[in-house]
């Protein structure tokens, strides 16, 4: 989660957002979804 947030901050501040923000946001969404799946699998 922290790496995705850092990537979004860097993409926004250094590169001004735009197309550089798409891979960072995609990475964040994939990591968030996979962590939720892992948590629900562990709780069962």
C-alpha atoms as a PDB file:
ATOM      1  CA  UNK A   1       0.000   0.000   0.000  1.00  0.00           C
ATOM      2  CA  UNK A   2       2.759   2.404   0.915  1.00  0.00           C
ATOM      3  CA  UNK A   3       4.649   1.890  -2.364  1.00  0.00           C
ATOM      4  CA  UNK A   4       1.552   2.719  -4.398  1.00  0.00           C
ATOM      5  CA  UNK A   5       0.978   5.922  -2.471  1.00  0.00           C
ATOM      6  CA  UNK A   6       4.606   6.920  -2.881  1.00  0.00           C
ATOM      7  CA  UNK A   7       4.439   6.223  -6.621  1.00  0.00           C
ATOM      8  CA  UNK A   8       1.352   8.415  -6.964  1.00  0.00           C
ATOM      9  CA  UNK A   9       3.002  11.252  -5.013  1.00  0.00           C
ATOM     10  CA  UNK A  10       6.170  11.061  -7.109  1.00  0.00           C
ATOM     11  CA  UNK A  11       4.218  10.881 -10.371  1.00  0.00           C
ATOM     12  CA  UNK A  12       2.177  13.915  -9.371  1.00  0.00           C
ATOM     13  CA  UNK A  13       4.946  16.078  -7.945  1.00  0.00           C
ATOM     14  CA  UNK A  14       7.829  15.266 -10.280  1.00  0.00           C
ATOM     15  CA  UNK A  15       6.059  14.560 -13.552  1.00  0.00           C
ATOM     16  CA  UNK A  16       2.901  16.623 -13.057  1.00  0.00           C
ATOM     17  CA  UNK A  17       0.569  13.617 -13.134  1.00  0.00           C
ATOM     18  CA  UNK A  18      -0.852  12.703 -16.505  1.00  0.00           C
ATOM     19  CA  UNK A  19       0.150   9.426 -18.089  1.00  0.00           C
ATOM     20  CA  UNK A  20       2.707   8.681 -15.380  1.00  0.00           C
ATOM     21  CA  UNK A  21      -0.102   8.391 -12.852  1.00  0.00           C
ATOM     22  CA  UNK A  22      -1.839   5.476 -14.618  1.00  0.00           C
ATOM     23  CA  UNK A  23       0.735   2.728 -13.803  1.00  0.00           C
ATOM     24  CA  UNK A  24       0.980   3.917 -10.203  1.00  0.00           C
ATOM     25  CA  UNK A  25      -2.793   3.886  -9.765  1.00  0.00           C
ATOM     26  CA  UNK A  26      -3.074   0.480 -11.442  1.00  0.00           C
ATOM     27  CA  UNK A  27      -0.391  -0.922  -9.144  1.00  0.00           C
ATOM     28  CA  UNK A  28      -2.195   0.472  -6.099  1.00  0.00           C
ATOM     29  CA  UNK A  29      -5.527  -1.032  -7.119  1.00  0.00           C
ATOM     30  CA  UNK A  30      -4.016  -4.455  -7.816  1.00  0.00           C
ATOM     31  CA  UNK A  31      -2.152  -4.487  -4.483  1.00  0.00           C
ATOM     32  CA  UNK A  32      -5.266  -3.357  -2.592  1.00  0.00           C
ATOM     33  CA  UNK A  33      -7.432  -6.035  -4.228  1.00  0.00           C
ATOM     34  CA  UNK A  34      -4.887  -8.796  -3.668  1.00  0.00           C
ATOM     35  CA  UNK A  35      -4.443  -7.825  -0.019  1.00  0.00           C
ATOM     36  CA  UNK A  36      -8.211  -7.959   0.519  1.00  0.00           C
ATOM     37  CA  UNK A  37      -8.377 -11.413  -1.070  1.00  0.00           C
ATOM     38  CA  UNK A  38      -5.515 -12.576   1.151  1.00  0.00           C
ATOM     39  CA  UNK A  39      -7.153 -11.209   4.314  1.00  0.00           C
ATOM     40  CA  UNK A  40     -10.489 -12.857   3.525  1.00  0.00           C
ATOM     41  CA  UNK A  41      -8.731 -16.153   2.739  1.00  0.00           C
ATOM     42  CA  UNK A  42      -6.883 -16.094   6.061  1.00  0.00           C
ATOM     43  CA  UNK A  43     -10.025 -15.324   8.079  1.00  0.00           C
ATOM     44  CA  UNK A  44     -11.872 -18.406   6.793  1.00  0.00           C
END
